[in-house]
Amino acid sequence: MAEEIIGEVSDFFAHPVVAGVELTAPLKLGDKIKIKGHTTDLELTVSHIQIEHNEVQQAKAGDSIGIKVPDRVRKGDKVYKITD
């Protein structure tokens, strides 16, 4: 499986558990991603994307998005898209 960097975590919210991400490449619902940092190593399938509190199907490079995550992530963690 190949991994390509598509963004960086810019913020984290505990309730609900959401990561703010600055995208450098497109992302859509159903994409598999990995969030990796010094103490973070998560893999998940994107099930929700929000831009300014509005649900969207996809986001493009340059967008600031919110995605639900299963656990804590940290500012500066890298976001990778997993491709087959």
Protein backbone atom coordinates (compact mmCIF):
# COMPACT_ATOMS: atom_id res chain seq x y z
CA MET A 1 0.00 0.00 0.00
CA ALA A 2 1.27 3.44 -0.95
CA GLU A 3 0.88 6.51 1.22
CA GLU A 4 0.84 10.10 0.00
CA ILE A 5 0.85 13.10 2.31
CA ILE A 6 -2.35 15.12 1.89
CA GLY A 7 -2.33 17.49 4.84
CA GLU A 8 -1.52 18.34 8.42
CA VAL A 9 -3.54 18.45 11.64
CA SER A 10 -4.14 22.08 12.61
CA ASP A 11 -6.44 21.55 15.61
CA PHE A 12 -8.10 18.92 17.80
CA PHE A 13 -11.49 19.00 19.52
CA ALA A 14 -12.33 16.47 22.26
CA HIS A 15 -16.17 16.78 22.15
CA PRO A 16 -16.96 15.54 19.55
CA VAL A 17 -13.63 13.90 18.72
CA VAL A 18 -12.71 15.84 15.59
CA ALA A 19 -9.42 16.78 13.92
CA GLY A 20 -9.02 20.04 12.05
CA VAL A 21 -6.93 19.39 8.92
CA GLU A 22 -5.34 21.75 6.40
CA LEU A 23 -5.41 19.86 3.08
CA THR A 24 -2.67 19.96 0.45
CA ALA A 25 -4.48 17.41 -1.79
CA PRO A 26 -8.12 16.35 -2.34
CA LEU A 27 -9.97 14.07 0.08
CA LYS A 28 -13.41 12.43 -0.22
CA LEU A 29 -15.73 10.26 1.84
CA GLY A 30 -14.60 6.62 1.88
CA ASP A 31 -10.89 7.43 1.47
CA LYS A 32 -8.55 5.53 3.79
CA ILE A 33 -6.15 7.77 5.68
CA LYS A 34 -3.38 7.51 8.25
CA ILE A 35 -2.60 10.21 10.81
CA LYS A 36 0.97 9.94 12.07
CA GLY A 37 3.04 11.97 14.51
CA HIS A 38 5.45 11.54 17.42
CA THR A 39 2.82 9.78 19.56
CA THR A 40 0.01 9.35 17.02
CA ASP A 41 -0.52 6.42 14.64
CA LEU A 42 -4.13 6.04 13.48
CA GLU A 43 -5.68 4.49 10.38
CA LEU A 44 -9.30 5.17 9.48
CA THR A 45 -11.82 5.42 6.67
CA VAL A 46 -13.18 8.95 6.27
CA SER A 47 -16.88 8.88 7.17
CA HIS A 48 -17.54 12.59 7.79
CA ILE A 49 -16.03 15.75 6.32
CA GLN A 50 -17.11 19.21 7.39
CA ILE A 51 -16.19 22.62 6.07
CA GLU A 52 -17.35 25.45 8.37
CA HIS A 53 -19.83 23.08 10.13
CA ASN A 54 -21.40 21.94 6.81
CA GLU A 55 -21.22 18.26 5.80
CA VAL A 56 -19.54 17.79 2.40
CA GLN A 57 -18.77 14.77 0.20
CA GLN A 58 -15.26 15.90 -0.71
CA ALA A 59 -12.74 18.66 -0.12
CA LYS A 60 -9.94 20.07 -2.24
CA ALA A 61 -6.37 21.21 -1.65
CA GLY A 62 -6.34 24.41 0.39
CA ASP A 63 -9.54 23.58 2.30
CA SER A 64 -9.62 23.59 6.10
CA ILE A 65 -11.76 20.61 7.11
CA GLY A 66 -12.97 18.76 10.17
CA ILE A 67 -13.00 14.95 10.23
CA LYS A 68 -14.15 12.58 12.96
CA VAL A 69 -11.29 10.56 14.43
CA PRO A 70 -11.34 7.59 16.85
CA ASP A 71 -8.69 8.96 19.19
CA ARG A 72 -6.67 12.05 20.10
CA VAL A 73 -4.46 13.61 17.42
CA ARG A 74 -2.04 16.48 17.79
CA LYS A 75 -1.30 19.70 15.94
CA GLY A 76 1.42 19.06 13.38
CA ASP A 77 0.57 15.37 12.85
CA LYS A 78 0.81 14.47 9.16
CA VAL A 79 -2.22 13.11 7.28
CA TYR A 80 -1.57 10.49 4.59
CA LYS A 81 -3.95 9.02 2.01
CA ILE A 82 -3.54 5.25 1.67
CA THR A 83 -3.77 3.99 -1.91
CA ASP A 84 -3.57 0.44 -3.22
